[in-house]
Amino acid sequence: MNVLEQDRELAEKIWECGCIYLDRARVAWVAGQFDEAERWVDEFKRCKRDLDELIRKKERHDELMQIVETIRERDIDIMLVMRKGNE
């Protein structure tokens, strides 16, 4: 999973819950309990949104790290840039 290391445990728990919810939705669907199946699908969607957010967080982090690396490669003094931005 492409998430930050500190988010890995949470992401795995969210993923596991999503799997359980999909299984419960399937069981309810087969049993003809359509409202119950829909409830579990909604829970899965919540897990999917949470997991997507952790993935976006990692993507934003990677983009920032790329910017920092580019700044370093060009020997730009980031402290000087920060001071000029605060003037």
N, C-alpha and C. Protein backbone atom coordinates (compact mmCIF):
# COMPACT_ATOMS: atom_id res chain seq x y z
N MET A 1 0.84 -1.18 0.00
CA MET A 1 0.00 0.00 0.00
C MET A 1 0.89 1.25 0.00
N ASN A 2 0.55 2.19 -0.81
CA ASN A 2 1.37 3.38 -0.95
C ASN A 2 0.91 4.47 0.03
N VAL A 3 1.29 4.28 1.32
CA VAL A 3 0.97 5.25 2.37
C VAL A 3 2.24 5.54 3.14
N LEU A 4 2.22 6.62 3.92
CA LEU A 4 3.37 6.94 4.76
C LEU A 4 3.59 5.82 5.77
N GLU A 5 4.84 5.62 6.14
CA GLU A 5 5.18 4.55 7.07
C GLU A 5 4.38 4.65 8.37
N GLN A 6 4.22 5.87 8.88
CA GLN A 6 3.49 6.04 10.14
C GLN A 6 1.99 5.77 9.99
N ASP A 7 1.49 5.72 8.75
CA ASP A 7 0.08 5.44 8.50
C ASP A 7 -0.17 3.99 8.09
N ARG A 8 0.90 3.21 7.96
CA ARG A 8 0.76 1.84 7.44
C ARG A 8 -0.16 0.97 8.30
N GLU A 9 0.01 0.99 9.61
CA GLU A 9 -0.81 0.15 10.48
C GLU A 9 -2.30 0.53 10.37
N LEU A 10 -2.58 1.83 10.38
CA LEU A 10 -3.95 2.29 10.23
C LEU A 10 -4.52 1.88 8.87
N ALA A 11 -3.73 2.04 7.81
CA ALA A 11 -4.18 1.67 6.47
C ALA A 11 -4.51 0.18 6.39
N GLU A 12 -3.70 -0.64 7.02
CA GLU A 12 -3.96 -2.08 7.01
C GLU A 12 -5.25 -2.41 7.75
N LYS A 13 -5.51 -1.73 8.86
CA LYS A 13 -6.75 -1.96 9.60
C LYS A 13 -7.96 -1.53 8.78
N ILE A 14 -7.84 -0.38 8.12
CA ILE A 14 -8.93 0.11 7.27
C ILE A 14 -9.19 -0.88 6.14
N TRP A 15 -8.11 -1.37 5.54
CA TRP A 15 -8.23 -2.33 4.44
C TRP A 15 -8.93 -3.60 4.91
N GLU A 16 -8.53 -4.11 6.07
CA GLU A 16 -9.15 -5.32 6.62
C GLU A 16 -10.65 -5.09 6.89
N CYS A 17 -10.98 -3.95 7.46
CA CYS A 17 -12.40 -3.64 7.71
C CYS A 17 -13.18 -3.60 6.40
N GLY A 18 -12.59 -2.98 5.39
CA GLY A 18 -13.25 -2.92 4.09
C GLY A 18 -13.54 -4.30 3.53
N CYS A 19 -12.59 -5.23 3.69
CA CYS A 19 -12.79 -6.61 3.23
C CYS A 19 -13.94 -7.26 3.98
N ILE A 20 -13.97 -7.07 5.29
CA ILE A 20 -15.05 -7.64 6.11
C ILE A 20 -16.39 -7.08 5.69
N TYR A 21 -16.45 -5.77 5.48
CA TYR A 21 -17.71 -5.13 5.12
C TYR A 21 -18.22 -5.61 3.76
N LEU A 22 -17.29 -5.80 2.82
CA LEU A 22 -17.71 -6.32 1.51
C LEU A 22 -18.25 -7.74 1.64
N ASP A 23 -17.60 -8.54 2.48
CA ASP A 23 -18.08 -9.91 2.69
C ASP A 23 -19.46 -9.90 3.33
N ARG A 24 -19.66 -9.05 4.31
CA ARG A 24 -20.97 -8.96 4.96
C ARG A 24 -22.03 -8.47 3.99
N ALA A 25 -21.66 -7.55 3.12
CA ALA A 25 -22.60 -7.06 2.10
C ALA A 25 -22.99 -8.19 1.16
N ARG A 26 -22.02 -9.00 0.77
CA ARG A 26 -22.30 -10.13 -0.12
C ARG A 26 -23.24 -11.13 0.54
N VAL A 27 -22.97 -11.45 1.79
CA VAL A 27 -23.82 -12.40 2.51
C VAL A 27 -25.25 -11.87 2.62
N ALA A 28 -25.38 -10.60 2.97
CA ALA A 28 -26.71 -10.00 3.08
C ALA A 28 -27.41 -9.99 1.73
N TRP A 29 -26.66 -9.70 0.67
CA TRP A 29 -27.24 -9.66 -0.68
C TRP A 29 -27.78 -11.03 -1.07
N VAL A 30 -26.98 -12.07 -0.84
CA VAL A 30 -27.38 -13.43 -1.17
C VAL A 30 -28.63 -13.83 -0.37
N ALA A 31 -28.70 -13.34 0.88
CA ALA A 31 -29.84 -13.66 1.74
C ALA A 31 -31.07 -12.81 1.42
N GLY A 32 -30.93 -11.92 0.47
CA GLY A 32 -32.06 -11.07 0.09
C GLY A 32 -32.31 -9.92 1.05
N GLN A 33 -31.33 -9.63 1.89
CA GLN A 33 -31.43 -8.52 2.85
C GLN A 33 -30.77 -7.29 2.24
N PHE A 34 -31.47 -6.68 1.31
CA PHE A 34 -30.88 -5.64 0.49
C PHE A 34 -30.55 -4.37 1.27
N ASP A 35 -31.39 -4.01 2.22
CA ASP A 35 -31.09 -2.82 3.04
C ASP A 35 -29.84 -3.06 3.88
N GLU A 36 -29.71 -4.26 4.41
CA GLU A 36 -28.52 -4.61 5.20
C GLU A 36 -27.28 -4.63 4.31
N ALA A 37 -27.41 -5.16 3.11
CA ALA A 37 -26.30 -5.18 2.16
C ALA A 37 -25.86 -3.75 1.85
N GLU A 38 -26.82 -2.87 1.64
CA GLU A 38 -26.51 -1.48 1.33
C GLU A 38 -25.79 -0.81 2.50
N ARG A 39 -26.20 -1.13 3.72
CA ARG A 39 -25.55 -0.57 4.90
C ARG A 39 -24.07 -0.97 4.94
N TRP A 40 -23.78 -2.23 4.62
CA TRP A 40 -22.39 -2.68 4.63
C TRP A 40 -21.60 -2.08 3.48
N VAL A 41 -22.26 -1.88 2.35
CA VAL A 41 -21.58 -1.22 1.22
C VAL A 41 -21.22 0.22 1.61
N ASP A 42 -22.12 0.90 2.30
CA ASP A 42 -21.84 2.27 2.76
C ASP A 42 -20.63 2.28 3.72
N GLU A 43 -20.55 1.28 4.58
CA GLU A 43 -19.40 1.19 5.49
C GLU A 43 -18.12 0.96 4.71
N PHE A 44 -18.20 0.11 3.67
CA PHE A 44 -17.03 -0.11 2.81
C PHE A 44 -16.60 1.20 2.15
N LYS A 45 -17.57 1.95 1.66
CA LYS A 45 -17.25 3.22 0.99
C LYS A 45 -16.56 4.19 1.95
N ARG A 46 -16.97 4.17 3.21
CA ARG A 46 -16.32 5.02 4.20
C ARG A 46 -14.86 4.59 4.36
N CYS A 47 -14.63 3.30 4.43
CA CYS A 47 -13.25 2.79 4.52
C CYS A 47 -12.45 3.19 3.29
N LYS A 48 -13.06 3.09 2.13
CA LYS A 48 -12.38 3.45 0.88
C LYS A 48 -12.00 4.92 0.88
N ARG A 49 -12.89 5.79 1.35
CA ARG A 49 -12.57 7.23 1.43
C ARG A 49 -11.40 7.47 2.38
N ASP A 50 -11.43 6.80 3.54
CA ASP A 50 -10.35 6.97 4.51
C ASP A 50 -9.02 6.49 3.95
N LEU A 51 -9.05 5.37 3.27
CA LEU A 51 -7.83 4.84 2.67
C LEU A 51 -7.34 5.75 1.54
N ASP A 52 -8.25 6.25 0.73
CA ASP A 52 -7.87 7.19 -0.34
C ASP A 52 -7.21 8.43 0.25
N GLU A 53 -7.69 8.90 1.38
CA GLU A 53 -7.10 10.08 2.01
C GLU A 53 -5.68 9.80 2.47
N LEU A 54 -5.42 8.64 3.02
CA LEU A 54 -4.05 8.28 3.42
C LEU A 54 -3.13 8.19 2.21
N ILE A 55 -3.65 7.69 1.11
CA ILE A 55 -2.86 7.61 -0.12
C ILE A 55 -2.57 9.01 -0.65
N ARG A 56 -3.57 9.89 -0.64
CA ARG A 56 -3.35 11.28 -1.09
C ARG A 56 -2.33 11.98 -0.19
N LYS A 57 -2.40 11.71 1.10
CA LYS A 57 -1.44 12.30 2.03
C LYS A 57 -0.01 11.89 1.65
N LYS A 58 0.19 10.63 1.28
CA LYS A 58 1.51 10.16 0.86
C LYS A 58 1.92 10.81 -0.45
N GLU A 59 0.99 10.96 -1.37
CA GLU A 59 1.30 11.59 -2.66
C GLU A 59 1.73 13.04 -2.45
N ARG A 60 1.01 13.77 -1.57
CA ARG A 60 1.40 15.16 -1.26
C ARG A 60 2.79 15.20 -0.64
N HIS A 61 3.07 14.28 0.25
CA HIS A 61 4.38 14.20 0.89
C HIS A 61 5.46 13.97 -0.16
N ASP A 62 5.21 13.02 -1.08
CA ASP A 62 6.19 12.72 -2.12
C ASP A 62 6.43 13.92 -3.03
N GLU A 63 5.38 14.67 -3.35
CA GLU A 63 5.53 15.87 -4.17
C GLU A 63 6.40 16.90 -3.46
N LEU A 64 6.15 17.11 -2.18
CA LEU A 64 6.96 18.06 -1.41
C LEU A 64 8.41 17.62 -1.32
N MET A 65 8.63 16.34 -1.15
CA MET A 65 10.00 15.83 -1.09
C MET A 65 10.71 16.04 -2.42
N GLN A 66 9.98 15.91 -3.53
CA GLN A 66 10.56 16.15 -4.84
C GLN A 66 10.96 17.62 -5.00
N ILE A 67 10.11 18.52 -4.50
CA ILE A 67 10.43 19.95 -4.56
C ILE A 67 11.68 20.24 -3.74
N VAL A 68 11.76 19.67 -2.55
CA VAL A 68 12.93 19.86 -1.69
C VAL A 68 14.18 19.34 -2.38
N GLU A 69 14.09 18.19 -3.01
CA GLU A 69 15.24 17.62 -3.71
C GLU A 69 15.68 18.52 -4.87
N THR A 70 14.71 19.05 -5.60
CA THR A 70 15.03 19.95 -6.71
C THR A 70 15.74 21.21 -6.19
N ILE A 71 15.25 21.74 -5.08
CA ILE A 71 15.87 22.92 -4.47
C ILE A 71 17.31 22.61 -4.07
N ARG A 72 17.52 21.45 -3.48
CA ARG A 72 18.89 21.05 -3.08
C ARG A 72 19.80 20.91 -4.29
N GLU A 73 19.29 20.27 -5.35
CA GLU A 73 20.09 20.06 -6.55
C GLU A 73 20.52 21.38 -7.17
N ARG A 74 19.70 22.39 -7.01
CA ARG A 74 20.01 23.71 -7.60
C ARG A 74 20.77 24.61 -6.62
N ASP A 75 21.13 24.07 -5.47
CA ASP A 75 21.86 24.81 -4.44
C ASP A 75 21.15 26.10 -4.04
N ILE A 76 19.85 26.03 -3.90
CA ILE A 76 19.07 27.19 -3.46
C ILE A 76 18.99 27.16 -1.95
N ASP A 77 19.29 28.30 -1.33
CA ASP A 77 19.23 28.40 0.13
C ASP A 77 17.77 28.61 0.54
N ILE A 78 17.15 27.56 1.06
CA ILE A 78 15.73 27.61 1.40
C ILE A 78 15.46 28.63 2.50
N MET A 79 16.39 28.84 3.41
CA MET A 79 16.21 29.82 4.48
C MET A 79 16.12 31.24 3.89
N LEU A 80 16.90 31.49 2.87
CA LEU A 80 16.86 32.80 2.20
C LEU A 80 15.50 32.98 1.51
N VAL A 81 15.02 31.95 0.87
CA VAL A 81 13.72 32.01 0.20
C VAL A 81 12.62 32.24 1.24
N MET A 82 12.69 31.56 2.36
CA MET A 82 11.68 31.71 3.41
C MET A 82 11.68 33.12 3.97
N ARG A 83 12.86 33.68 4.21
CA ARG A 83 12.94 35.04 4.74
C ARG A 83 12.36 36.05 3.78
N LYS A 84 12.65 35.92 2.50
CA LYS A 84 12.13 36.85 1.50
C LYS A 84 10.62 36.74 1.40
N GLY A 85 10.08 35.54 1.59
CA GLY A 85 8.64 35.35 1.53
C GLY A 85 7.92 35.96 2.71
N ASN A 86 8.62 36.17 3.83
CA ASN A 86 8.01 36.73 5.04
C ASN A 86 8.19 38.23 5.16
N GLU A 87 8.89 38.83 4.22
CA GLU A 87 9.13 40.30 4.29
C GLU A 87 7.94 41.07 3.81
